[in-house]
Amino acid sequence: MVKRVVVLGCGAWGTATVKLVADNVKSSKEFHEEVYWYVRDEDCNGRSLTTWINQEHINPKYLPTLDIPSNVSASSNIQKVVEEADIILVSYPSCHILWLVENVKKFIKDGAYFVSFCKGLILCPEENRIKLVSDVIREQTGKSCVVVIGATTAVEVAKQHFTEATIGSKNLTYAHEVKRLLQI
């Protein structure tokens, strides 16, 4: 089965991630060639951000010199982006994860899993605890969550500089799949 990959988050990390993934899936028999990208739509120089991305293939707000591959389809409709996804890559600020999870969990299909590129922790005052982003995603959605983390920057990834990250997962099959998806 060819897997559909989507990216949630349109900041610098989301932009770098979508470029890397879109470049890597073009010639893959394992992953669907088109990558859906959830972009929180906002006005940017008189046009919507999704219009910039879909028509000009750039994100003028974050990493504006980076060319977005033509096999990326940006949408501000979170349901449309998530409902067909097999692998959901999350490049979102940790302070917005609770909102994001609440808005995607009802659309996630069986067998889908998350990949978190998120840095930071989530304060849960009602439980008097601090939680990892991956734990919140797992608890709120009931889905597995692979973690990709390391001493790397969005610019390094976007420019395909040599860099490395660690993939953490309780599911070895998912970890290997994510490695194949991200490796240049």
N, C-alpha and C. Protein backbone atom coordinates (compact mmCIF):
# COMPACT_ATOMS: atom_id res chain seq x y z
N MET A 1 0.83 -1.19 0.00
CA MET A 1 0.00 0.00 0.00
C MET A 1 0.88 1.25 0.00
N VAL A 2 0.61 2.17 -0.89
CA VAL A 2 1.32 3.44 -0.95
C VAL A 2 0.76 4.34 0.15
N LYS A 3 1.64 4.91 0.96
CA LYS A 3 1.20 5.70 2.11
C LYS A 3 1.17 7.19 1.80
N ARG A 4 0.12 7.84 2.30
CA ARG A 4 -0.03 9.29 2.14
C ARG A 4 0.60 9.98 3.34
N VAL A 5 1.49 10.93 3.04
CA VAL A 5 2.19 11.69 4.07
C VAL A 5 1.65 13.11 4.07
N VAL A 6 1.37 13.64 5.26
CA VAL A 6 0.94 15.03 5.39
C VAL A 6 1.81 15.73 6.42
N VAL A 7 1.89 17.04 6.29
CA VAL A 7 2.66 17.86 7.23
C VAL A 7 1.72 18.89 7.83
N LEU A 8 1.76 19.02 9.15
CA LEU A 8 0.98 20.02 9.87
C LEU A 8 1.96 21.04 10.43
N GLY A 9 1.78 22.30 10.06
CA GLY A 9 2.65 23.36 10.55
C GLY A 9 3.37 24.05 9.40
N CYS A 10 3.28 25.39 9.39
CA CYS A 10 3.83 26.13 8.25
C CYS A 10 4.90 27.14 8.65
N GLY A 11 5.50 26.94 9.82
CA GLY A 11 6.61 27.79 10.22
C GLY A 11 7.89 27.32 9.53
N ALA A 12 9.03 27.72 10.05
CA ALA A 12 10.30 27.34 9.44
C ALA A 12 10.48 25.83 9.43
N TRP A 13 10.17 25.16 10.55
CA TRP A 13 10.32 23.70 10.60
C TRP A 13 9.33 23.00 9.68
N GLY A 14 8.10 23.46 9.67
CA GLY A 14 7.11 22.86 8.78
C GLY A 14 7.50 23.01 7.32
N THR A 15 8.01 24.19 6.97
CA THR A 15 8.44 24.46 5.60
C THR A 15 9.62 23.58 5.21
N ALA A 16 10.61 23.48 6.08
CA ALA A 16 11.77 22.62 5.80
C ALA A 16 11.35 21.15 5.71
N THR A 17 10.46 20.74 6.60
CA THR A 17 10.00 19.35 6.62
C THR A 17 9.24 19.01 5.34
N VAL A 18 8.33 19.89 4.93
CA VAL A 18 7.53 19.59 3.73
C VAL A 18 8.42 19.53 2.49
N LYS A 19 9.45 20.37 2.42
CA LYS A 19 10.36 20.33 1.28
C LYS A 19 11.12 19.01 1.25
N LEU A 20 11.68 18.63 2.38
CA LEU A 20 12.45 17.38 2.47
C LEU A 20 11.59 16.19 2.07
N VAL A 21 10.42 16.10 2.66
CA VAL A 21 9.53 14.97 2.41
C VAL A 21 9.06 14.96 0.96
N ALA A 22 8.65 16.12 0.45
CA ALA A 22 8.16 16.19 -0.93
C ALA A 22 9.24 15.80 -1.93
N ASP A 23 10.46 16.23 -1.69
CA ASP A 23 11.57 15.82 -2.56
C ASP A 23 11.79 14.31 -2.48
N ASN A 24 11.71 13.75 -1.29
CA ASN A 24 12.00 12.33 -1.10
C ASN A 24 10.92 11.40 -1.64
N VAL A 25 9.67 11.83 -1.65
CA VAL A 25 8.59 10.92 -2.09
C VAL A 25 8.40 10.92 -3.61
N LYS A 26 9.01 11.86 -4.31
CA LYS A 26 8.80 11.98 -5.76
C LYS A 26 9.08 10.68 -6.51
N SER A 27 10.12 9.99 -6.13
CA SER A 27 10.49 8.77 -6.86
C SER A 27 10.26 7.51 -6.02
N SER A 28 9.44 7.63 -5.01
CA SER A 28 9.21 6.50 -4.10
C SER A 28 8.02 5.66 -4.55
N LYS A 29 8.16 4.37 -4.36
CA LYS A 29 7.03 3.46 -4.58
C LYS A 29 6.31 3.18 -3.26
N GLU A 30 6.89 3.65 -2.18
CA GLU A 30 6.36 3.40 -0.84
C GLU A 30 5.40 4.50 -0.38
N PHE A 31 5.63 5.73 -0.85
CA PHE A 31 4.86 6.89 -0.40
C PHE A 31 4.18 7.56 -1.59
N HIS A 32 2.98 8.07 -1.34
CA HIS A 32 2.24 8.81 -2.37
C HIS A 32 3.05 10.04 -2.78
N GLU A 33 3.05 10.35 -4.06
CA GLU A 33 3.88 11.45 -4.57
C GLU A 33 3.41 12.82 -4.09
N GLU A 34 2.12 13.02 -3.92
CA GLU A 34 1.61 14.31 -3.48
C GLU A 34 1.63 14.38 -1.95
N VAL A 35 2.14 15.49 -1.43
CA VAL A 35 2.20 15.71 0.01
C VAL A 35 1.22 16.83 0.35
N TYR A 36 0.28 16.53 1.24
CA TYR A 36 -0.66 17.55 1.72
C TYR A 36 -0.01 18.31 2.87
N TRP A 37 -0.28 19.62 2.91
CA TRP A 37 0.34 20.48 3.92
C TRP A 37 -0.73 21.37 4.54
N TYR A 38 -0.95 21.21 5.86
CA TYR A 38 -1.89 22.08 6.56
C TYR A 38 -1.19 23.39 6.89
N VAL A 39 -1.76 24.47 6.38
CA VAL A 39 -1.22 25.81 6.58
C VAL A 39 -2.30 26.65 7.24
N ARG A 40 -2.00 27.19 8.40
CA ARG A 40 -2.93 28.11 9.04
C ARG A 40 -2.96 29.36 8.17
N ASP A 41 -4.06 29.56 7.49
CA ASP A 41 -4.10 30.61 6.48
C ASP A 41 -4.09 31.98 7.13
N GLU A 42 -3.32 32.84 6.56
CA GLU A 42 -3.22 34.22 7.02
C GLU A 42 -2.83 35.08 5.83
N ASP A 43 -3.07 36.35 5.97
CA ASP A 43 -2.71 37.28 4.90
C ASP A 43 -1.21 37.53 4.93
N CYS A 44 -0.63 37.51 3.75
CA CYS A 44 0.80 37.79 3.62
C CYS A 44 1.00 38.62 2.35
N ASN A 45 1.30 39.88 2.53
CA ASN A 45 1.48 40.80 1.40
C ASN A 45 0.26 40.83 0.48
N GLY A 46 -0.93 40.83 1.08
CA GLY A 46 -2.15 40.96 0.31
C GLY A 46 -2.70 39.68 -0.29
N ARG A 47 -2.06 38.55 -0.03
CA ARG A 47 -2.53 37.26 -0.54
C ARG A 47 -2.52 36.25 0.60
N SER A 48 -3.33 35.22 0.45
CA SER A 48 -3.34 34.20 1.50
C SER A 48 -2.06 33.37 1.39
N LEU A 49 -1.62 32.86 2.52
CA LEU A 49 -0.40 32.05 2.56
C LEU A 49 -0.55 30.80 1.70
N THR A 50 -1.72 30.17 1.72
CA THR A 50 -1.91 28.97 0.89
C THR A 50 -1.82 29.32 -0.60
N THR A 51 -2.29 30.49 -0.99
CA THR A 51 -2.18 30.91 -2.39
C THR A 51 -0.72 31.08 -2.78
N TRP A 52 0.06 31.72 -1.92
CA TRP A 52 1.50 31.86 -2.18
C TRP A 52 2.14 30.50 -2.41
N ILE A 53 1.85 29.58 -1.51
CA ILE A 53 2.48 28.26 -1.56
C ILE A 53 2.04 27.49 -2.80
N ASN A 54 0.74 27.46 -3.06
CA ASN A 54 0.22 26.66 -4.18
C ASN A 54 0.51 27.27 -5.55
N GLN A 55 0.59 28.59 -5.64
CA GLN A 55 0.81 29.22 -6.95
C GLN A 55 2.26 29.61 -7.21
N GLU A 56 2.93 30.11 -6.17
CA GLU A 56 4.31 30.59 -6.36
C GLU A 56 5.34 29.59 -5.83
N HIS A 57 4.90 28.60 -5.09
CA HIS A 57 5.76 27.56 -4.52
C HIS A 57 6.83 28.13 -3.58
N ILE A 58 6.41 29.12 -2.79
CA ILE A 58 7.26 29.65 -1.73
C ILE A 58 6.40 29.93 -0.51
N ASN A 59 7.04 29.96 0.65
CA ASN A 59 6.39 30.41 1.88
C ASN A 59 7.04 31.76 2.21
N PRO A 60 6.40 32.87 1.82
CA PRO A 60 7.03 34.17 1.97
C PRO A 60 7.25 34.60 3.42
N LYS A 61 6.58 33.94 4.34
CA LYS A 61 6.70 34.31 5.75
C LYS A 61 7.86 33.58 6.44
N TYR A 62 8.09 32.33 6.09
CA TYR A 62 9.15 31.53 6.69
C TYR A 62 9.98 30.89 5.59
N LEU A 63 11.26 31.05 5.64
CA LEU A 63 12.19 30.52 4.63
C LEU A 63 11.77 30.95 3.22
N PRO A 64 11.63 32.26 3.01
CA PRO A 64 11.09 32.75 1.73
C PRO A 64 11.97 32.47 0.51
N THR A 65 13.22 32.12 0.70
CA THR A 65 14.09 31.83 -0.45
C THR A 65 14.05 30.35 -0.84
N LEU A 66 13.33 29.56 -0.08
CA LEU A 66 13.26 28.12 -0.32
C LEU A 66 12.14 27.81 -1.32
N ASP A 67 12.47 27.08 -2.36
CA ASP A 67 11.46 26.64 -3.33
C ASP A 67 10.70 25.45 -2.78
N ILE A 68 9.38 25.56 -2.76
CA ILE A 68 8.52 24.46 -2.32
C ILE A 68 8.25 23.58 -3.55
N PRO A 69 8.48 22.29 -3.46
CA PRO A 69 8.26 21.41 -4.61
C PRO A 69 6.81 21.46 -5.10
N SER A 70 6.63 21.22 -6.38
CA SER A 70 5.30 21.31 -7.00
C SER A 70 4.37 20.18 -6.59
N ASN A 71 4.90 19.14 -5.96
CA ASN A 71 4.05 18.03 -5.51
C ASN A 71 3.49 18.27 -4.10
N VAL A 72 3.61 19.51 -3.61
CA VAL A 72 3.04 19.90 -2.32
C VAL A 72 1.72 20.62 -2.59
N SER A 73 0.69 20.22 -1.85
CA SER A 73 -0.62 20.87 -1.95
C SER A 73 -0.98 21.43 -0.58
N ALA A 74 -0.96 22.76 -0.46
CA ALA A 74 -1.26 23.42 0.81
C ALA A 74 -2.75 23.69 0.93
N SER A 75 -3.27 23.53 2.15
CA SER A 75 -4.68 23.78 2.42
C SER A 75 -4.85 24.27 3.85
N SER A 76 -5.81 25.16 4.04
CA SER A 76 -6.15 25.60 5.40
C SER A 76 -7.30 24.77 5.96
N ASN A 77 -7.72 23.75 5.24
CA ASN A 77 -8.78 22.85 5.69
C ASN A 77 -8.14 21.64 6.36
N ILE A 78 -8.10 21.66 7.68
CA ILE A 78 -7.39 20.62 8.42
C ILE A 78 -8.01 19.24 8.20
N GLN A 79 -9.31 19.17 8.06
CA GLN A 79 -9.97 17.89 7.81
C GLN A 79 -9.51 17.29 6.49
N LYS A 80 -9.50 18.10 5.44
CA LYS A 80 -9.08 17.64 4.12
C LYS A 80 -7.65 17.10 4.15
N VAL A 81 -6.78 17.77 4.87
CA VAL A 81 -5.38 17.36 4.94
C VAL A 81 -5.22 16.05 5.70
N VAL A 82 -5.91 15.92 6.82
CA VAL A 82 -5.67 14.80 7.73
C VAL A 82 -6.44 13.53 7.39
N GLU A 83 -7.63 13.63 6.85
CA GLU A 83 -8.51 12.46 6.75
C GLU A 83 -7.98 11.33 5.86
N GLU A 84 -7.10 11.62 4.91
CA GLU A 84 -6.53 10.58 4.06
C GLU A 84 -5.12 10.18 4.49
N ALA A 85 -4.62 10.78 5.55
CA ALA A 85 -3.22 10.60 5.94
C ALA A 85 -2.95 9.24 6.56
N ASP A 86 -1.81 8.68 6.19
CA ASP A 86 -1.29 7.49 6.85
C ASP A 86 -0.19 7.88 7.84
N ILE A 87 0.58 8.90 7.47
CA ILE A 87 1.67 9.39 8.32
C ILE A 87 1.48 10.90 8.46
N ILE A 88 1.33 11.35 9.71
CA ILE A 88 1.03 12.76 9.99
C ILE A 88 2.25 13.38 10.68
N LEU A 89 2.98 14.21 9.95
CA LEU A 89 4.16 14.87 10.49
C LEU A 89 3.74 16.18 11.14
N VAL A 90 4.16 16.39 12.38
CA VAL A 90 3.75 17.56 13.15
C VAL A 90 4.96 18.44 13.43
N SER A 91 4.95 19.63 12.85
CA SER A 91 5.99 20.63 13.09
C SER A 91 5.30 21.88 13.61
N TYR A 92 4.85 21.79 14.84
CA TYR A 92 4.03 22.84 15.45
C TYR A 92 4.68 23.27 16.77
N PRO A 93 4.53 24.53 17.16
CA PRO A 93 5.00 24.93 18.49
C PRO A 93 4.26 24.12 19.57
N SER A 94 4.98 23.69 20.57
CA SER A 94 4.38 22.85 21.61
C SER A 94 3.21 23.54 22.31
N CYS A 95 3.23 24.87 22.37
CA CYS A 95 2.14 25.59 23.04
C CYS A 95 0.81 25.48 22.29
N HIS A 96 0.83 25.01 21.05
CA HIS A 96 -0.40 24.87 20.26
C HIS A 96 -0.81 23.42 20.03
N ILE A 97 -0.10 22.49 20.62
CA ILE A 97 -0.36 21.06 20.37
C ILE A 97 -1.74 20.64 20.88
N LEU A 98 -2.15 21.11 22.03
CA LEU A 98 -3.47 20.73 22.54
C LEU A 98 -4.57 21.17 21.58
N TRP A 99 -4.47 22.39 21.05
CA TRP A 99 -5.44 22.86 20.05
C TRP A 99 -5.39 21.99 18.80
N LEU A 100 -4.19 21.71 18.32
CA LEU A 100 -4.03 20.92 17.10
C LEU A 100 -4.63 19.53 17.24
N VAL A 101 -4.28 18.85 18.31
CA VAL A 101 -4.77 17.49 18.54
C VAL A 101 -6.29 17.48 18.64
N GLU A 102 -6.84 18.43 19.35
CA GLU A 102 -8.30 18.52 19.48
C GLU A 102 -8.97 18.68 18.12
N ASN A 103 -8.32 19.39 17.22
CA ASN A 103 -8.91 19.66 15.91
C ASN A 103 -8.64 18.60 14.85
N VAL A 104 -7.74 17.67 15.11
CA VAL A 104 -7.47 16.62 14.11
C VAL A 104 -7.95 15.24 14.53
N LYS A 105 -8.10 15.00 15.81
CA LYS A 105 -8.33 13.62 16.28
C LYS A 105 -9.58 12.96 15.70
N LYS A 106 -10.60 13.71 15.41
CA LYS A 106 -11.84 13.12 14.88
C LYS A 106 -11.73 12.75 13.40
N PHE A 107 -10.66 13.19 12.73
CA PHE A 107 -10.51 12.94 11.30
C PHE A 107 -9.46 11.87 10.97
N ILE A 108 -8.75 11.38 11.97
CA ILE A 108 -7.65 10.45 11.72
C ILE A 108 -8.17 9.05 11.42
N LYS A 109 -7.67 8.49 10.33
CA LYS A 109 -8.15 7.16 9.95
C LYS A 109 -7.41 6.07 10.71
N ASP A 110 -8.00 4.88 10.74
CA ASP A 110 -7.37 3.73 11.38
C ASP A 110 -6.03 3.45 10.72
N GLY A 111 -5.05 3.09 11.51
CA GLY A 111 -3.74 2.73 10.99
C GLY A 111 -2.79 3.89 10.81
N ALA A 112 -3.28 5.12 10.94
CA ALA A 112 -2.42 6.29 10.79
C ALA A 112 -1.58 6.48 12.06
N TYR A 113 -0.44 7.13 11.90
CA TYR A 113 0.37 7.47 13.07
C TYR A 113 1.02 8.84 12.88
N PHE A 114 1.50 9.39 13.98
CA PHE A 114 2.10 10.72 14.00
C PHE A 114 3.62 10.63 14.04
N VAL A 115 4.25 11.69 13.54
CA VAL A 115 5.69 11.89 13.69
C VAL A 115 5.86 13.31 14.21
N SER A 116 6.41 13.45 15.40
CA SER A 116 6.56 14.77 16.02
C SER A 116 7.97 15.32 15.83
N PHE A 117 8.03 16.54 15.31
CA PHE A 117 9.28 17.29 15.21
C PHE A 117 9.29 18.41 16.26
N CYS A 118 8.34 18.36 17.18
CA CYS A 118 8.12 19.45 18.14
C CYS A 118 9.18 19.48 19.22
N LYS A 119 9.59 20.69 19.53
CA LYS A 119 10.51 20.90 20.65
C LYS A 119 9.68 21.45 21.81
N GLY A 120 10.15 21.23 23.01
CA GLY A 120 9.45 21.78 24.16
C GLY A 120 8.57 20.76 24.85
N LEU A 121 7.95 21.23 25.91
CA LEU A 121 7.09 20.41 26.76
C LEU A 121 5.73 21.08 26.88
N ILE A 122 4.77 20.33 27.40
CA ILE A 122 3.42 20.87 27.58
C ILE A 122 3.09 20.87 29.06
N LEU A 123 2.73 22.03 29.57
CA LEU A 123 2.33 22.18 30.96
C LEU A 123 0.86 21.79 31.08
N CYS A 124 0.58 20.83 31.95
CA CYS A 124 -0.79 20.37 32.19
C CYS A 124 -1.15 20.67 33.64
N PRO A 125 -1.62 21.90 33.92
CA PRO A 125 -1.87 22.31 35.30
C PRO A 125 -2.95 21.47 35.99
N GLU A 126 -3.94 20.98 35.23
CA GLU A 126 -5.01 20.18 35.84
C GLU A 126 -4.47 18.86 36.41
N GLU A 127 -3.36 18.38 35.86
CA GLU A 127 -2.73 17.16 36.36
C GLU A 127 -1.50 17.47 37.20
N ASN A 128 -1.15 18.76 37.29
CA ASN A 128 0.04 19.18 38.02
C ASN A 128 1.28 18.48 37.47
N ARG A 129 1.38 18.42 36.12
CA ARG A 129 2.48 17.72 35.45
C ARG A 129 2.95 18.48 34.22
N ILE A 130 4.13 18.12 33.81
CA ILE A 130 4.66 18.54 32.52
C ILE A 130 4.74 17.28 31.67
N LYS A 131 4.29 17.38 30.41
CA LYS A 131 4.27 16.20 29.54
C LYS A 131 5.06 16.44 28.27
N LEU A 132 5.53 15.35 27.70
CA LEU A 132 6.15 15.38 26.38
C LEU A 132 5.06 15.57 25.33
N VAL A 133 5.39 16.24 24.25
CA VAL A 133 4.44 16.43 23.16
C VAL A 133 3.97 15.08 22.64
N SER A 134 4.88 14.15 22.47
CA SER A 134 4.52 12.82 21.94
C SER A 134 3.54 12.09 22.87
N ASP A 135 3.70 12.26 24.17
CA ASP A 135 2.76 11.63 25.11
C ASP A 135 1.36 12.24 24.98
N VAL A 136 1.29 13.55 24.82
CA VAL A 136 -0.01 14.21 24.66
C VAL A 136 -0.67 13.74 23.36
N ILE A 137 0.09 13.66 22.29
CA ILE A 137 -0.47 13.19 21.02
C ILE A 137 -1.00 11.77 21.17
N ARG A 138 -0.22 10.89 21.77
CA ARG A 138 -0.64 9.49 21.97
C ARG A 138 -1.89 9.40 22.84
N GLU A 139 -1.87 10.11 23.97
CA GLU A 139 -3.00 10.05 24.91
C GLU A 139 -4.28 10.61 24.31
N GLN A 140 -4.18 11.71 23.58
CA GLN A 140 -5.37 12.38 23.06
C GLN A 140 -5.94 11.73 21.81
N THR A 141 -5.10 11.05 21.03
CA THR A 141 -5.57 10.47 19.76
C THR A 141 -5.66 8.95 19.78
N GLY A 142 -4.95 8.32 20.72
CA GLY A 142 -4.89 6.86 20.72
C GLY A 142 -4.01 6.30 19.62
N LYS A 143 -3.21 7.15 18.98
CA LYS A 143 -2.33 6.75 17.88
C LYS A 143 -0.88 6.77 18.31
N SER A 144 -0.07 5.98 17.64
CA SER A 144 1.37 5.97 17.89
C SER A 144 1.97 7.31 17.47
N CYS A 145 3.09 7.64 18.11
CA CYS A 145 3.79 8.88 17.77
C CYS A 145 5.30 8.63 17.77
N VAL A 146 5.89 8.72 16.61
CA VAL A 146 7.34 8.65 16.45
C VAL A 146 7.89 10.05 16.74
N VAL A 147 9.08 10.13 17.31
CA VAL A 147 9.69 11.42 17.61
C VAL A 147 10.98 11.57 16.80
N VAL A 148 11.15 12.73 16.18
CA VAL A 148 12.39 13.07 15.49
C VAL A 148 12.94 14.32 16.16
N ILE A 149 14.14 14.21 16.72
CA ILE A 149 14.69 15.32 17.49
C ILE A 149 16.21 15.30 17.35
N GLY A 150 16.81 16.46 17.42
CA GLY A 150 18.26 16.52 17.35
C GLY A 150 18.76 17.94 17.31
N ALA A 151 20.07 18.06 17.31
CA ALA A 151 20.72 19.37 17.27
C ALA A 151 20.83 19.81 15.82
N THR A 152 19.71 20.12 15.24
CA THR A 152 19.65 20.52 13.84
C THR A 152 18.69 21.70 13.71
N THR A 153 18.81 22.43 12.64
CA THR A 153 17.93 23.59 12.45
C THR A 153 17.12 23.43 11.16
N ALA A 154 16.06 24.19 11.08
CA ALA A 154 15.22 24.16 9.88
C ALA A 154 16.01 24.57 8.64
N VAL A 155 16.88 25.55 8.77
CA VAL A 155 17.67 26.01 7.63
C VAL A 155 18.60 24.90 7.14
N GLU A 156 19.24 24.18 8.06
CA GLU A 156 20.11 23.07 7.66
C GLU A 156 19.34 22.01 6.88
N VAL A 157 18.17 21.68 7.38
CA VAL A 157 17.33 20.68 6.71
C VAL A 157 16.87 21.19 5.35
N ALA A 158 16.41 22.43 5.32
CA ALA A 158 15.90 23.02 4.07
C ALA A 158 16.97 23.06 2.99
N LYS A 159 18.19 23.36 3.38
CA LYS A 159 19.29 23.46 2.41
C LYS A 159 20.00 22.13 2.20
N GLN A 160 19.49 21.09 2.82
CA GLN A 160 20.02 19.73 2.71
C GLN A 160 21.50 19.66 3.11
N HIS A 161 21.85 20.42 4.14
CA HIS A 161 23.19 20.31 4.70
C HIS A 161 23.28 19.01 5.48
N PHE A 162 24.49 18.52 5.63
CA PHE A 162 24.68 17.31 6.41
C PHE A 162 24.29 17.60 7.85
N THR A 163 23.36 16.84 8.35
CA THR A 163 22.89 16.98 9.72
C THR A 163 22.30 15.66 10.15
N GLU A 164 22.11 15.49 11.43
CA GLU A 164 21.51 14.24 11.88
C GLU A 164 20.51 14.50 12.99
N ALA A 165 19.61 13.56 13.13
CA ALA A 165 18.60 13.62 14.18
C ALA A 165 18.38 12.20 14.68
N THR A 166 17.77 12.09 15.82
CA THR A 166 17.46 10.79 16.40
C THR A 166 15.97 10.52 16.20
N ILE A 167 15.67 9.29 15.80
CA ILE A 167 14.29 8.85 15.66
C ILE A 167 13.98 7.96 16.85
N GLY A 168 12.95 8.32 17.60
CA GLY A 168 12.53 7.53 18.75
C GLY A 168 11.14 6.97 18.51
N SER A 169 10.98 5.66 18.73
CA SER A 169 9.67 5.05 18.51
C SER A 169 9.57 3.74 19.26
N LYS A 170 8.39 3.44 19.76
CA LYS A 170 8.13 2.14 20.36
C LYS A 170 7.87 1.10 19.28
N ASN A 171 7.60 1.56 18.06
CA ASN A 171 7.29 0.68 16.94
C ASN A 171 8.45 0.74 15.94
N LEU A 172 9.22 -0.33 15.87
CA LEU A 172 10.40 -0.37 15.01
C LEU A 172 10.05 -0.23 13.53
N THR A 173 8.93 -0.78 13.12
CA THR A 173 8.50 -0.65 11.72
C THR A 173 8.27 0.81 11.36
N TYR A 174 7.59 1.55 12.24
CA TYR A 174 7.36 2.97 12.00
C TYR A 174 8.69 3.74 11.96
N ALA A 175 9.60 3.42 12.87
CA ALA A 175 10.89 4.11 12.92
C ALA A 175 11.65 3.94 11.61
N HIS A 176 11.68 2.73 11.08
CA HIS A 176 12.37 2.49 9.81
C HIS A 176 11.67 3.20 8.65
N GLU A 177 10.35 3.22 8.69
CA GLU A 177 9.58 3.91 7.65
C GLU A 177 9.89 5.41 7.66
N VAL A 178 9.93 6.00 8.84
CA VAL A 178 10.24 7.43 8.97
C VAL A 178 11.67 7.70 8.50
N LYS A 179 12.59 6.82 8.83
CA LYS A 179 13.97 6.98 8.36
C LYS A 179 14.01 7.02 6.83
N ARG A 180 13.31 6.10 6.19
CA ARG A 180 13.29 6.08 4.72
C ARG A 180 12.64 7.35 4.16
N LEU A 181 11.65 7.85 4.85
CA LEU A 181 10.95 9.05 4.41
C LEU A 181 11.83 10.29 4.49
N LEU A 182 12.68 10.37 5.50
CA LEU A 182 13.46 11.57 5.76
C LEU A 182 14.88 11.54 5.22
N GLN A 183 15.41 10.36 4.98
CA GLN A 183 16.81 10.25 4.60
C GLN A 183 17.04 10.72 3.17
N ILE A 184 18.04 11.54 3.01
CA ILE A 184 18.38 12.06 1.67
C ILE A 184 19.23 11.04 0.95
